[in-house]
Amino acid sequence: MAQDEISKKVELNWLSAFYGGLLTDKQRQVLTLHCEEDLSLTEIAQEVGISRQGVHELLTRAARKMFEMEEKLHVAARFQRVENGLEKCRTMMREGRYDDAERMIDALIRFDQEENNGL
């Protein structure tokens, strides 16, 4: 499996954690089989009882919908930014850099407030 295909599966799986609930049951099922179970389109088609082309179309629509939602809402990107900031805070705390950690926490709070005001 090519590295870019693996990266795309990881990204789709990541986005499904945030936007999977907005997909149809069939899209969610096919996406799970593709990303988490690592089944081929042919294997998914046999499992679900639709054509290989049908599986491809469901995956394409699901991916497009999740990418469009992320482009509009940036939920996954915001989550990642906060998670990275918290990890930096943890490192600073372990290193005894409490003032730096406090500044990072203040920056994360400001970021959260700015983002929430924009919604």
PDB file of N, CA and C in Angstrom:
ATOM      1  N   MET A   1       0.851  -1.179   0.000  1.00  0.00           N
ATOM      2  CA  MET A   1       0.000   0.000   0.000  1.00  0.00           C
ATOM      3  C   MET A   1       0.895   1.240   0.000  1.00  0.00           C
ATOM      4  N   ALA A   2       0.599   2.180  -0.860  1.00  0.00           N
ATOM      5  CA  ALA A   2       1.397   3.401  -0.990  1.00  0.00           C
ATOM      6  C   ALA A   2       1.227   4.289   0.240  1.00  0.00           C
ATOM      7  N   GLN A   3       2.287   5.042   0.546  1.00  0.00           N
ATOM      8  CA  GLN A   3       2.274   5.914   1.719  1.00  0.00           C
ATOM      9  C   GLN A   3       1.152   6.941   1.649  1.00  0.00           C
ATOM     10  N   ASP A   4       0.900   7.507   0.455  1.00  0.00           N
ATOM     11  CA  ASP A   4      -0.158   8.511   0.343  1.00  0.00           C
ATOM     12  C   ASP A   4      -1.536   7.898   0.565  1.00  0.00           C
ATOM     13  N   GLU A   5      -1.713   6.632   0.201  1.00  0.00           N
ATOM     14  CA  GLU A   5      -2.992   5.963   0.454  1.00  0.00           C
ATOM     15  C   GLU A   5      -3.183   5.728   1.948  1.00  0.00           C
ATOM     16  N   ILE A   6      -2.106   5.362   2.628  1.00  0.00           N
ATOM     17  CA  ILE A   6      -2.168   5.182   4.079  1.00  0.00           C
ATOM     18  C   ILE A   6      -2.483   6.512   4.747  1.00  0.00           C
ATOM     19  N   SER A   7      -1.817   7.574   4.308  1.00  0.00           N
ATOM     20  CA  SER A   7      -2.060   8.907   4.877  1.00  0.00           C
ATOM     21  C   SER A   7      -3.505   9.327   4.684  1.00  0.00           C
ATOM     22  N   LYS A   8      -4.058   9.039   3.510  1.00  0.00           N
ATOM     23  CA  LYS A   8      -5.452   9.414   3.247  1.00  0.00           C
ATOM     24  C   LYS A   8      -6.396   8.632   4.154  1.00  0.00           C
ATOM     25  N   LYS A   9      -6.123   7.343   4.362  1.00  0.00           N
ATOM     26  CA  LYS A   9      -6.965   6.544   5.252  1.00  0.00           C
ATOM     27  C   LYS A   9      -6.904   7.078   6.676  1.00  0.00           C
ATOM     28  N   VAL A  10      -5.705   7.433   7.118  1.00  0.00           N
ATOM     29  CA  VAL A  10      -5.547   7.981   8.471  1.00  0.00           C
ATOM     30  C   VAL A  10      -6.319   9.290   8.594  1.00  0.00           C
ATOM     31  N   GLU A  11      -6.205  10.152   7.580  1.00  0.00           N
ATOM     32  CA  GLU A  11      -6.910  11.435   7.611  1.00  0.00           C
ATOM     33  C   GLU A  11      -8.424  11.238   7.592  1.00  0.00           C
ATOM     34  N   LEU A  12      -8.908  10.316   6.767  1.00  0.00           N
ATOM     35  CA  LEU A  12     -10.347  10.040   6.723  1.00  0.00           C
ATOM     36  C   LEU A  12     -10.830   9.495   8.062  1.00  0.00           C
ATOM     37  N   ASN A  13     -10.051   8.618   8.655  1.00  0.00           N
ATOM     38  CA  ASN A  13     -10.419   8.066   9.953  1.00  0.00           C
ATOM     39  C   ASN A  13     -10.450   9.161  11.017  1.00  0.00           C
ATOM     40  N   TRP A  14      -9.464  10.064  10.976  1.00  0.00           N
ATOM     41  CA  TRP A  14      -9.398  11.200  11.905  1.00  0.00           C
ATOM     42  C   TRP A  14     -10.633  12.084  11.740  1.00  0.00           C
ATOM     43  N   LEU A  15     -10.966  12.434  10.504  1.00  0.00           N
ATOM     44  CA  LEU A  15     -12.129  13.289  10.259  1.00  0.00           C
ATOM     45  C   LEU A  15     -13.427  12.597  10.653  1.00  0.00           C
ATOM     46  N   SER A  16     -13.473  11.279  10.497  1.00  0.00           N
ATOM     47  CA  SER A  16     -14.705  10.564  10.849  1.00  0.00           C
ATOM     48  C   SER A  16     -14.984  10.632  12.346  1.00  0.00           C
ATOM     49  N   ALA A  17     -13.941  10.815  13.148  1.00  0.00           N
ATOM     50  CA  ALA A  17     -14.148  10.977  14.588  1.00  0.00           C
ATOM     51  C   ALA A  17     -14.944  12.242  14.886  1.00  0.00           C
ATOM     52  N   PHE A  18     -14.817  13.244  14.038  1.00  0.00           N
ATOM     53  CA  PHE A  18     -15.509  14.517  14.238  1.00  0.00           C
ATOM     54  C   PHE A  18     -16.797  14.617  13.427  1.00  0.00           C
ATOM     55  N   TYR A  19     -16.788  14.099  12.227  1.00  0.00           N
ATOM     56  CA  TYR A  19     -17.906  14.295  11.301  1.00  0.00           C
ATOM     57  C   TYR A  19     -18.611  13.006  10.893  1.00  0.00           C
ATOM     58  N   GLY A  20     -18.186  11.875  11.425  1.00  0.00           N
ATOM     59  CA  GLY A  20     -18.797  10.601  11.055  1.00  0.00           C
ATOM     60  C   GLY A  20     -20.287  10.548  11.324  1.00  0.00           C
ATOM     61  N   GLY A  21     -20.725  11.239  12.349  1.00  0.00           N
ATOM     62  CA  GLY A  21     -22.148  11.274  12.679  1.00  0.00           C
ATOM     63  C   GLY A  21     -22.996  11.973  11.635  1.00  0.00           C
ATOM     64  N   LEU A  22     -22.365  12.734  10.749  1.00  0.00           N
ATOM     65  CA  LEU A  22     -23.094  13.441   9.698  1.00  0.00           C
ATOM     66  C   LEU A  22     -23.229  12.602   8.430  1.00  0.00           C
ATOM     67  N   LEU A  23     -22.577  11.452   8.412  1.00  0.00           N
ATOM     68  CA  LEU A  23     -22.643  10.576   7.248  1.00  0.00           C
ATOM     69  C   LEU A  23     -23.857   9.659   7.356  1.00  0.00           C
ATOM     70  N   THR A  24     -24.256   9.108   6.221  1.00  0.00           N
ATOM     71  CA  THR A  24     -25.321   8.108   6.253  1.00  0.00           C
ATOM     72  C   THR A  24     -24.771   6.840   6.902  1.00  0.00           C
ATOM     73  N   ASP A  25     -25.669   5.971   7.340  1.00  0.00           N
ATOM     74  CA  ASP A  25     -25.235   4.712   7.940  1.00  0.00           C
ATOM     75  C   ASP A  25     -24.368   3.916   6.970  1.00  0.00           C
ATOM     76  N   LYS A  26     -24.766   3.881   5.708  1.00  0.00           N
ATOM     77  CA  LYS A  26     -24.030   3.119   4.693  1.00  0.00           C
ATOM     78  C   LYS A  26     -22.646   3.734   4.466  1.00  0.00           C
ATOM     79  N   GLN A  27     -22.568   5.068   4.389  1.00  0.00           N
ATOM     80  CA  GLN A  27     -21.270   5.728   4.221  1.00  0.00           C
ATOM     81  C   GLN A  27     -20.356   5.419   5.406  1.00  0.00           C
ATOM     82  N   ARG A  28     -20.919   5.485   6.597  1.00  0.00           N
ATOM     83  CA  ARG A  28     -20.140   5.220   7.809  1.00  0.00           C
ATOM     84  C   ARG A  28     -19.645   3.769   7.826  1.00  0.00           C
ATOM     85  N   GLN A  29     -20.518   2.844   7.430  1.00  0.00           N
ATOM     86  CA  GLN A  29     -20.150   1.434   7.403  1.00  0.00           C
ATOM     87  C   GLN A  29     -19.005   1.187   6.421  1.00  0.00           C
ATOM     88  N   VAL A  30     -19.135   1.721   5.218  1.00  0.00           N
ATOM     89  CA  VAL A  30     -18.119   1.533   4.185  1.00  0.00           C
ATOM     90  C   VAL A  30     -16.807   2.197   4.602  1.00  0.00           C
ATOM     91  N   LEU A  31     -16.894   3.374   5.179  1.00  0.00           N
ATOM     92  CA  LEU A  31     -15.692   4.081   5.633  1.00  0.00           C
ATOM     93  C   LEU A  31     -14.970   3.291   6.727  1.00  0.00           C
ATOM     94  N   THR A  32     -15.724   2.739   7.646  1.00  0.00           N
ATOM     95  CA  THR A  32     -15.133   1.932   8.717  1.00  0.00           C
ATOM     96  C   THR A  32     -14.438   0.698   8.156  1.00  0.00           C
ATOM     97  N   LEU A  33     -15.105   0.019   7.243  1.00  0.00           N
ATOM     98  CA  LEU A  33     -14.506  -1.172   6.637  1.00  0.00           C
ATOM     99  C   LEU A  33     -13.242  -0.822   5.859  1.00  0.00           C
ATOM    100  N   HIS A  34     -13.243   0.330   5.217  1.00  0.00           N
ATOM    101  CA  HIS A  34     -12.101   0.751   4.407  1.00  0.00           C
ATOM    102  C   HIS A  34     -10.939   1.235   5.274  1.00  0.00           C
ATOM    103  N   CYS A  35     -11.226   2.096   6.229  1.00  0.00           N
ATOM    104  CA  CYS A  35     -10.162   2.733   7.024  1.00  0.00           C
ATOM    105  C   CYS A  35      -9.719   1.901   8.223  1.00  0.00           C
ATOM    106  N   GLU A  36     -10.671   1.351   8.948  1.00  0.00           N
ATOM    107  CA  GLU A  36     -10.329   0.646  10.184  1.00  0.00           C
ATOM    108  C   GLU A  36     -10.064  -0.839   9.964  1.00  0.00           C
ATOM    109  N   GLU A  37     -10.855  -1.460   9.092  1.00  0.00           N
ATOM    110  CA  GLU A  37     -10.684  -2.890   8.827  1.00  0.00           C
ATOM    111  C   GLU A  37      -9.715  -3.142   7.677  1.00  0.00           C
ATOM    112  N   ASP A  38      -9.371  -2.080   6.945  1.00  0.00           N
ATOM    113  CA  ASP A  38      -8.418  -2.140   5.836  1.00  0.00           C
ATOM    114  C   ASP A  38      -8.838  -3.125   4.741  1.00  0.00           C
ATOM    115  N   LEU A  39     -10.146  -3.183   4.489  1.00  0.00           N
ATOM    116  CA  LEU A  39     -10.647  -4.046   3.423  1.00  0.00           C
ATOM    117  C   LEU A  39     -10.533  -3.332   2.084  1.00  0.00           C
ATOM    118  N   SER A  40     -10.351  -4.102   1.036  1.00  0.00           N
ATOM    119  CA  SER A  40     -10.312  -3.541  -0.320  1.00  0.00           C
ATOM    120  C   SER A  40     -11.733  -3.188  -0.751  1.00  0.00           C
ATOM    121  N   LEU A  41     -11.842  -2.425  -1.825  1.00  0.00           N
ATOM    122  CA  LEU A  41     -13.166  -2.065  -2.333  1.00  0.00           C
ATOM    123  C   LEU A  41     -13.958  -3.314  -2.700  1.00  0.00           C
ATOM    124  N   THR A  42     -13.295  -4.292  -3.291  1.00  0.00           N
ATOM    125  CA  THR A  42     -13.961  -5.543  -3.669  1.00  0.00           C
ATOM    126  C   THR A  42     -14.456  -6.288  -2.433  1.00  0.00           C
ATOM    127  N   GLU A  43     -13.630  -6.356  -1.398  1.00  0.00           N
ATOM    128  CA  GLU A  43     -14.039  -7.030  -0.158  1.00  0.00           C
ATOM    129  C   GLU A  43     -15.205  -6.308   0.502  1.00  0.00           C
ATOM    130  N   ILE A  44     -15.172  -4.982   0.484  1.00  0.00           N
ATOM    131  CA  ILE A  44     -16.272  -4.203   1.060  1.00  0.00           C
ATOM    132  C   ILE A  44     -17.544  -4.445   0.261  1.00  0.00           C
ATOM    133  N   ALA A  45     -17.430  -4.466  -1.062  1.00  0.00           N
ATOM    134  CA  ALA A  45     -18.594  -4.698  -1.925  1.00  0.00           C
ATOM    135  C   ALA A  45     -19.248  -6.032  -1.582  1.00  0.00           C
ATOM    136  N   GLN A  46     -18.445  -7.063  -1.393  1.00  0.00           N
ATOM    137  CA  GLN A  46     -18.979  -8.376  -1.036  1.00  0.00           C
ATOM    138  C   GLN A  46     -19.628  -8.346   0.343  1.00  0.00           C
ATOM    139  N   GLU A  47     -18.990  -7.670   1.272  1.00  0.00           N
ATOM    140  CA  GLU A  47     -19.493  -7.586   2.650  1.00  0.00           C
ATOM    141  C   GLU A  47     -20.827  -6.845   2.720  1.00  0.00           C
ATOM    142  N   VAL A  48     -20.925  -5.745   1.986  1.00  0.00           N
ATOM    143  CA  VAL A  48     -22.092  -4.866   2.071  1.00  0.00           C
ATOM    144  C   VAL A  48     -23.186  -5.268   1.073  1.00  0.00           C
ATOM    145  N   GLY A  49     -22.789  -5.965   0.015  1.00  0.00           N
ATOM    146  CA  GLY A  49     -23.768  -6.400  -0.973  1.00  0.00           C
ATOM    147  C   GLY A  49     -24.062  -5.365  -2.040  1.00  0.00           C
ATOM    148  N   ILE A  50     -23.056  -4.565  -2.382  1.00  0.00           N
ATOM    149  CA  ILE A  50     -23.197  -3.593  -3.470  1.00  0.00           C
ATOM    150  C   ILE A  50     -22.006  -3.760  -4.407  1.00  0.00           C
ATOM    151  N   SER A  51     -22.027  -3.037  -5.514  1.00  0.00           N
ATOM    152  CA  SER A  51     -20.933  -3.148  -6.476  1.00  0.00           C
ATOM    153  C   SER A  51     -19.675  -2.446  -5.958  1.00  0.00           C
ATOM    154  N   ARG A  52     -18.553  -2.801  -6.550  1.00  0.00           N
ATOM    155  CA  ARG A  52     -17.287  -2.143  -6.225  1.00  0.00           C
ATOM    156  C   ARG A  52     -17.386  -0.653  -6.535  1.00  0.00           C
ATOM    157  N   GLN A  53     -18.028  -0.317  -7.655  1.00  0.00           N
ATOM    158  CA  GLN A  53     -18.230   1.081  -8.031  1.00  0.00           C
ATOM    159  C   GLN A  53     -19.094   1.798  -6.994  1.00  0.00           C
ATOM    160  N   GLY A  54     -20.104   1.098  -6.479  1.00  0.00           N
ATOM    161  CA  GLY A  54     -20.950   1.674  -5.435  1.00  0.00           C
ATOM    162  C   GLY A  54     -20.161   1.995  -4.184  1.00  0.00           C
ATOM    163  N   VAL A  55     -19.247   1.103  -3.823  1.00  0.00           N
ATOM    164  CA  VAL A  55     -18.376   1.338  -2.668  1.00  0.00           C
ATOM    165  C   VAL A  55     -17.513   2.567  -2.917  1.00  0.00           C
ATOM    166  N   HIS A  56     -16.930   2.640  -4.110  1.00  0.00           N
ATOM    167  CA  HIS A  56     -16.076   3.779  -4.465  1.00  0.00           C
ATOM    168  C   HIS A  56     -16.861   5.084  -4.366  1.00  0.00           C
ATOM    169  N   GLU A  57     -18.080   5.097  -4.885  1.00  0.00           N
ATOM    170  CA  GLU A  57     -18.903   6.314  -4.845  1.00  0.00           C
ATOM    171  C   GLU A  57     -19.265   6.696  -3.415  1.00  0.00           C
ATOM    172  N   LEU A  58     -19.604   5.706  -2.582  1.00  0.00           N
ATOM    173  CA  LEU A  58     -19.917   5.998  -1.180  1.00  0.00           C
ATOM    174  C   LEU A  58     -18.710   6.589  -0.454  1.00  0.00           C
ATOM    175  N   LEU A  59     -17.539   6.004  -0.682  1.00  0.00           N
ATOM    176  CA  LEU A  59     -16.319   6.526  -0.051  1.00  0.00           C
ATOM    177  C   LEU A  59     -16.008   7.938  -0.529  1.00  0.00           C
ATOM    178  N   THR A  60     -16.169   8.161  -1.827  1.00  0.00           N
ATOM    179  CA  THR A  60     -15.892   9.487  -2.392  1.00  0.00           C
ATOM    180  C   THR A  60     -16.832  10.529  -1.807  1.00  0.00           C
ATOM    181  N   ARG A  61     -18.122  10.207  -1.739  1.00  0.00           N
ATOM    182  CA  ARG A  61     -19.097  11.159  -1.175  1.00  0.00           C
ATOM    183  C   ARG A  61     -18.833  11.409   0.309  1.00  0.00           C
ATOM    184  N   ALA A  62     -18.518  10.348   1.042  1.00  0.00           N
ATOM    185  CA  ALA A  62     -18.238  10.498   2.475  1.00  0.00           C
ATOM    186  C   ALA A  62     -17.013  11.379   2.693  1.00  0.00           C
ATOM    187  N   ALA A  63     -15.955  11.116   1.934  1.00  0.00           N
ATOM    188  CA  ALA A  63     -14.730  11.914   2.067  1.00  0.00           C
ATOM    189  C   ALA A  63     -15.000  13.365   1.717  1.00  0.00           C
ATOM    190  N   ARG A  64     -15.700  13.594   0.621  1.00  0.00           N
ATOM    191  CA  ARG A  64     -15.998  14.965   0.193  1.00  0.00           C
ATOM    192  C   ARG A  64     -16.794  15.698   1.271  1.00  0.00           C
ATOM    193  N   LYS A  65     -17.793  15.026   1.828  1.00  0.00           N
ATOM    194  CA  LYS A  65     -18.625  15.658   2.854  1.00  0.00           C
ATOM    195  C   LYS A  65     -17.797  16.029   4.087  1.00  0.00           C
ATOM    196  N   MET A  66     -16.931  15.121   4.516  1.00  0.00           N
ATOM    197  CA  MET A  66     -16.126  15.409   5.707  1.00  0.00           C
ATOM    198  C   MET A  66     -15.107  16.508   5.448  1.00  0.00           C
ATOM    199  N   PHE A  67     -14.470  16.496   4.278  1.00  0.00           N
ATOM    200  CA  PHE A  67     -13.512  17.557   3.948  1.00  0.00           C
ATOM    201  C   PHE A  67     -14.213  18.912   3.843  1.00  0.00           C
ATOM    202  N   GLU A  68     -15.417  18.933   3.265  1.00  0.00           N
ATOM    203  CA  GLU A  68     -16.178  20.182   3.172  1.00  0.00           C
ATOM    204  C   GLU A  68     -16.551  20.699   4.554  1.00  0.00           C
ATOM    205  N   MET A  69     -16.973  19.811   5.437  1.00  0.00           N
ATOM    206  CA  MET A  69     -17.328  20.229   6.793  1.00  0.00           C
ATOM    207  C   MET A  69     -16.105  20.778   7.530  1.00  0.00           C
ATOM    208  N   GLU A  70     -14.972  20.111   7.376  1.00  0.00           N
ATOM    209  CA  GLU A  70     -13.756  20.587   8.045  1.00  0.00           C
ATOM    210  C   GLU A  70     -13.322  21.930   7.476  1.00  0.00           C
ATOM    211  N   GLU A  71     -13.474  22.100   6.172  1.00  0.00           N
ATOM    212  CA  GLU A  71     -13.113  23.374   5.546  1.00  0.00           C
ATOM    213  C   GLU A  71     -13.965  24.514   6.093  1.00  0.00           C
ATOM    214  N   LYS A  72     -15.220  24.235   6.401  1.00  0.00           N
ATOM    215  CA  LYS A  72     -16.124  25.263   6.924  1.00  0.00           C
ATOM    216  C   LYS A  72     -15.980  25.459   8.429  1.00  0.00           C
ATOM    217  N   LEU A  73     -15.855  24.367   9.173  1.00  0.00           N
ATOM    218  CA  LEU A  73     -15.921  24.442  10.631  1.00  0.00           C
ATOM    219  C   LEU A  73     -14.569  24.370  11.342  1.00  0.00           C
ATOM    220  N   HIS A  74     -13.594  23.716  10.747  1.00  0.00           N
ATOM    221  CA  HIS A  74     -12.243  23.591  11.321  1.00  0.00           C
ATOM    222  C   HIS A  74     -12.231  22.934  12.701  1.00  0.00           C
ATOM    223  N   VAL A  75     -13.185  22.058  12.968  1.00  0.00           N
ATOM    224  CA  VAL A  75     -13.263  21.416  14.279  1.00  0.00           C
ATOM    225  C   VAL A  75     -12.036  20.545  14.540  1.00  0.00           C
ATOM    226  N   ALA A  76     -11.669  19.720  13.578  1.00  0.00           N
ATOM    227  CA  ALA A  76     -10.514  18.831  13.763  1.00  0.00           C
ATOM    228  C   ALA A  76      -9.221  19.632  13.911  1.00  0.00           C
ATOM    229  N   ALA A  77      -9.072  20.682  13.126  1.00  0.00           N
ATOM    230  CA  ALA A  77      -7.862  21.513  13.203  1.00  0.00           C
ATOM    231  C   ALA A  77      -7.771  22.218  14.554  1.00  0.00           C
ATOM    232  N   ARG A  78      -8.902  22.740  15.044  1.00  0.00           N
ATOM    233  CA  ARG A  78      -8.899  23.397  16.357  1.00  0.00           C
ATOM    234  C   ARG A  78      -8.558  22.396  17.455  1.00  0.00           C
ATOM    235  N   PHE A  79      -9.159  21.225  17.363  1.00  0.00           N
ATOM    236  CA  PHE A  79      -8.872  20.187  18.350  1.00  0.00           C
ATOM    237  C   PHE A  79      -7.382  19.864  18.363  1.00  0.00           C
ATOM    238  N   GLN A  80      -6.797  19.705  17.177  1.00  0.00           N
ATOM    239  CA  GLN A  80      -5.375  19.369  17.071  1.00  0.00           C
ATOM    240  C   GLN A  80      -4.508  20.484  17.651  1.00  0.00           C
ATOM    241  N   ARG A  81      -4.888  21.724  17.385  1.00  0.00           N
ATOM    242  CA  ARG A  81      -4.103  22.852  17.908  1.00  0.00           C
ATOM    243  C   ARG A  81      -4.137  22.876  19.436  1.00  0.00           C
ATOM    244  N   VAL A  82      -5.308  22.666  20.014  1.00  0.00           N
ATOM    245  CA  VAL A  82      -5.423  22.657  21.473  1.00  0.00           C
ATOM    246  C   VAL A  82      -4.667  21.464  22.054  1.00  0.00           C
ATOM    247  N   GLU A  83      -4.816  20.310  21.429  1.00  0.00           N
ATOM    248  CA  GLU A  83      -4.113  19.121  21.914  1.00  0.00           C
ATOM    249  C   GLU A  83      -2.596  19.327  21.885  1.00  0.00           C
ATOM    250  N   ASN A  84      -2.079  19.910  20.812  1.00  0.00           N
ATOM    251  CA  ASN A  84      -0.643  20.199  20.721  1.00  0.00           C
ATOM    252  C   ASN A  84      -0.214  21.179  21.804  1.00  0.00           C
ATOM    253  N   GLY A  85      -1.027  22.213  22.037  1.00  0.00           N
ATOM    254  CA  GLY A  85      -0.716  23.191  23.073  1.00  0.00           C
ATOM    255  C   GLY A  85      -0.694  22.570  24.459  1.00  0.00           C
ATOM    256  N   LEU A  86      -1.638  21.688  24.718  1.00  0.00           N
ATOM    257  CA  LEU A  86      -1.672  21.014  26.017  1.00  0.00           C
ATOM    258  C   LEU A  86      -0.468  20.095  26.200  1.00  0.00           C
ATOM    259  N   GLU A  87      -0.064  19.444  25.134  1.00  0.00           N
ATOM    260  CA  GLU A  87       1.125  18.588  25.210  1.00  0.00           C
ATOM    261  C   GLU A  87       2.370  19.432  25.502  1.00  0.00           C
ATOM    262  N   LYS A  88       2.458  20.614  24.884  1.00  0.00           N
ATOM    263  CA  LYS A  88       3.581  21.514  25.176  1.00  0.00           C
ATOM    264  C   LYS A  88       3.545  21.957  26.631  1.00  0.00           C
ATOM    265  N   CYS A  89       2.349  22.240  27.136  1.00  0.00           N
ATOM    266  CA  CYS A  89       2.205  22.623  28.550  1.00  0.00           C
ATOM    267  C   CYS A  89       2.695  21.507  29.461  1.00  0.00           C
ATOM    268  N   ARG A  90       2.317  20.300  29.142  1.00  0.00           N
ATOM    269  CA  ARG A  90       2.742  19.157  29.949  1.00  0.00           C
ATOM    270  C   ARG A  90       4.269  19.068  29.980  1.00  0.00           C
ATOM    271  N   THR A  91       4.890  19.239  28.835  1.00  0.00           N
ATOM    272  CA  THR A  91       6.354  19.195  28.758  1.00  0.00           C
ATOM    273  C   THR A  91       6.962  20.315  29.593  1.00  0.00           C
ATOM    274  N   MET A  92       6.411  21.512  29.467  1.00  0.00           N
ATOM    275  CA  MET A  92       6.921  22.651  30.238  1.00  0.00           C
ATOM    276  C   MET A  92       6.789  22.400  31.734  1.00  0.00           C
ATOM    277  N   MET A  93       5.661  21.832  32.154  1.00  0.00           N
ATOM    278  CA  MET A  93       5.450  21.548  33.575  1.00  0.00           C
ATOM    279  C   MET A  93       6.473  20.522  34.070  1.00  0.00           C
ATOM    280  N   ARG A  94       6.709  19.498  33.279  1.00  0.00           N
ATOM    281  CA  ARG A  94       7.685  18.468  33.671  1.00  0.00           C
ATOM    282  C   ARG A  94       9.092  19.040  33.775  1.00  0.00           C
ATOM    283  N   GLU A  95       9.368  20.061  32.956  1.00  0.00           N
ATOM    284  CA  GLU A  95      10.686  20.697  32.967  1.00  0.00           C
ATOM    285  C   GLU A  95      10.778  21.805  34.009  1.00  0.00           C
ATOM    286  N   GLY A  96       9.694  22.038  34.746  1.00  0.00           N
ATOM    287  CA  GLY A  96       9.693  23.078  35.762  1.00  0.00           C
ATOM    288  C   GLY A  96       9.532  24.481  35.204  1.00  0.00           C
ATOM    289  N   ARG A  97       9.110  24.602  33.962  1.00  0.00           N
ATOM    290  CA  ARG A  97       8.929  25.910  33.312  1.00  0.00           C
ATOM    291  C   ARG A  97       7.475  26.361  33.505  1.00  0.00           C
ATOM    292  N   TYR A  98       7.133  26.631  34.755  1.00  0.00           N
ATOM    293  CA  TYR A  98       5.751  26.918  35.113  1.00  0.00           C
ATOM    294  C   TYR A  98       5.240  28.222  34.515  1.00  0.00           C
ATOM    295  N   ASP A  99       6.087  29.238  34.444  1.00  0.00           N
ATOM    296  CA  ASP A  99       5.665  30.512  33.848  1.00  0.00           C
ATOM    297  C   ASP A  99       5.356  30.336  32.365  1.00  0.00           C
ATOM    298  N   ASP A 100       6.194  29.577  31.657  1.00  0.00           N
ATOM    299  CA  ASP A 100       5.944  29.306  30.237  1.00  0.00           C
ATOM    300  C   ASP A 100       4.649  28.516  30.063  1.00  0.00           C
ATOM    301  N   ALA A 101       4.435  27.545  30.945  1.00  0.00           N
ATOM    302  CA  ALA A 101       3.214  26.737  30.871  1.00  0.00           C
ATOM    303  C   ALA A 101       1.983  27.605  31.110  1.00  0.00           C
ATOM    304  N   GLU A 102       2.084  28.520  32.061  1.00  0.00           N
ATOM    305  CA  GLU A 102       0.948  29.407  32.340  1.00  0.00           C
ATOM    306  C   GLU A 102       0.656  30.306  31.142  1.00  0.00           C
ATOM    307  N   ARG A 103       1.698  30.810  30.492  1.00  0.00           N
ATOM    308  CA  ARG A 103       1.495  31.631  29.289  1.00  0.00           C
ATOM    309  C   ARG A 103       0.844  30.807  28.172  1.00  0.00           C
ATOM    310  N   MET A 104       1.260  29.563  28.053  1.00  0.00           N
ATOM    311  CA  MET A 104       0.672  28.694  27.038  1.00  0.00           C
ATOM    312  C   MET A 104      -0.805  28.451  27.341  1.00  0.00           C
ATOM    313  N   ILE A 105      -1.125  28.229  28.595  1.00  0.00           N
ATOM    314  CA  ILE A 105      -2.526  28.033  28.983  1.00  0.00           C
ATOM    315  C   ILE A 105      -3.332  29.286  28.676  1.00  0.00           C
ATOM    316  N   ASP A 106      -2.787  30.450  28.994  1.00  0.00           N
ATOM    317  CA  ASP A 106      -3.474  31.707  28.674  1.00  0.00           C
ATOM    318  C   ASP A 106      -3.699  31.837  27.169  1.00  0.00           C
ATOM    319  N   ALA A 107      -2.695  31.466  26.381  1.00  0.00           N
ATOM    320  CA  ALA A 107      -2.829  31.538  24.918  1.00  0.00           C
ATOM    321  C   ALA A 107      -3.904  30.576  24.426  1.00  0.00           C
ATOM    322  N   LEU A 108      -3.971  29.391  25.008  1.00  0.00           N
ATOM    323  CA  LEU A 108      -5.003  28.428  24.617  1.00  0.00           C
ATOM    324  C   LEU A 108      -6.395  28.921  24.990  1.00  0.00           C
ATOM    325  N   ILE A 109      -6.508  29.556  26.141  1.00  0.00           N
ATOM    326  CA  ILE A 109      -7.804  30.117  26.554  1.00  0.00           C
ATOM    327  C   ILE A 109      -8.223  31.225  25.597  1.00  0.00           C
ATOM    328  N   ARG A 110      -7.283  32.106  25.242  1.00  0.00           N
ATOM    329  CA  ARG A 110      -7.598  33.174  24.277  1.00  0.00           C
ATOM    330  C   ARG A 110      -8.013  32.587  22.932  1.00  0.00           C
ATOM    331  N   PHE A 111      -7.279  31.585  22.475  1.00  0.00           N
ATOM    332  CA  PHE A 111      -7.603  30.921  21.212  1.00  0.00           C
ATOM    333  C   PHE A 111      -9.020  30.357  21.263  1.00  0.00           C
ATOM    334  N   ASP A 112      -9.349  29.687  22.357  1.00  0.00           N
ATOM    335  CA  ASP A 112     -10.680  29.105  22.506  1.00  0.00           C
ATOM    336  C   ASP A 112     -11.756  30.187  22.501  1.00  0.00           C
ATOM    337  N   GLN A 113     -11.512  31.277  23.216  1.00  0.00           N
ATOM    338  CA  GLN A 113     -12.489  32.365  23.266  1.00  0.00           C
ATOM    339  C   GLN A 113     -12.668  33.011  21.899  1.00  0.00           C
ATOM    340  N   GLU A 114     -11.565  33.232  21.183  1.00  0.00           N
ATOM    341  CA  GLU A 114     -11.645  33.830  19.846  1.00  0.00           C
ATOM    342  C   GLU A 114     -12.399  32.918  18.888  1.00  0.00           C
ATOM    343  N   GLU A 115     -12.113  31.632  18.954  1.00  0.00           N
ATOM    344  CA  GLU A 115     -12.782  30.677  18.067  1.00  0.00           C
ATOM    345  C   GLU A 115     -14.267  30.589  18.391  1.00  0.00           C
ATOM    346  N   ASN A 116     -14.606  30.572  19.674  1.00  0.00           N
ATOM    347  CA  ASN A 116     -16.015  30.471  20.053  1.00  0.00           C
ATOM    348  C   ASN A 116     -16.780  31.739  19.727  1.00  0.00           C
ATOM    349  N   ASN A 117     -16.116  32.889  19.768  1.00  0.00           N
ATOM    350  CA  ASN A 117     -16.778  34.134  19.380  1.00  0.00           C
ATOM    351  C   ASN A 117     -17.052  34.164  17.889  1.00  0.00           C
ATOM    352  N   GLY A 118     -16.230  33.439  17.120  1.00  0.00           N
ATOM    353  CA  GLY A 118     -16.400  33.393  15.672  1.00  0.00           C
ATOM    354  C   GLY A 118     -17.506  32.462  15.224  1.00  0.00           C
ATOM    355  N   LEU A 119     -18.010  31.617  16.123  1.00  0.00           N
ATOM    356  CA  LEU A 119     -19.059  30.660  15.740  1.00  0.00           C
ATOM    357  C   LEU A 119     -20.431  31.228  15.895  1.00  0.00           C
TER     358      LEU A 119
END
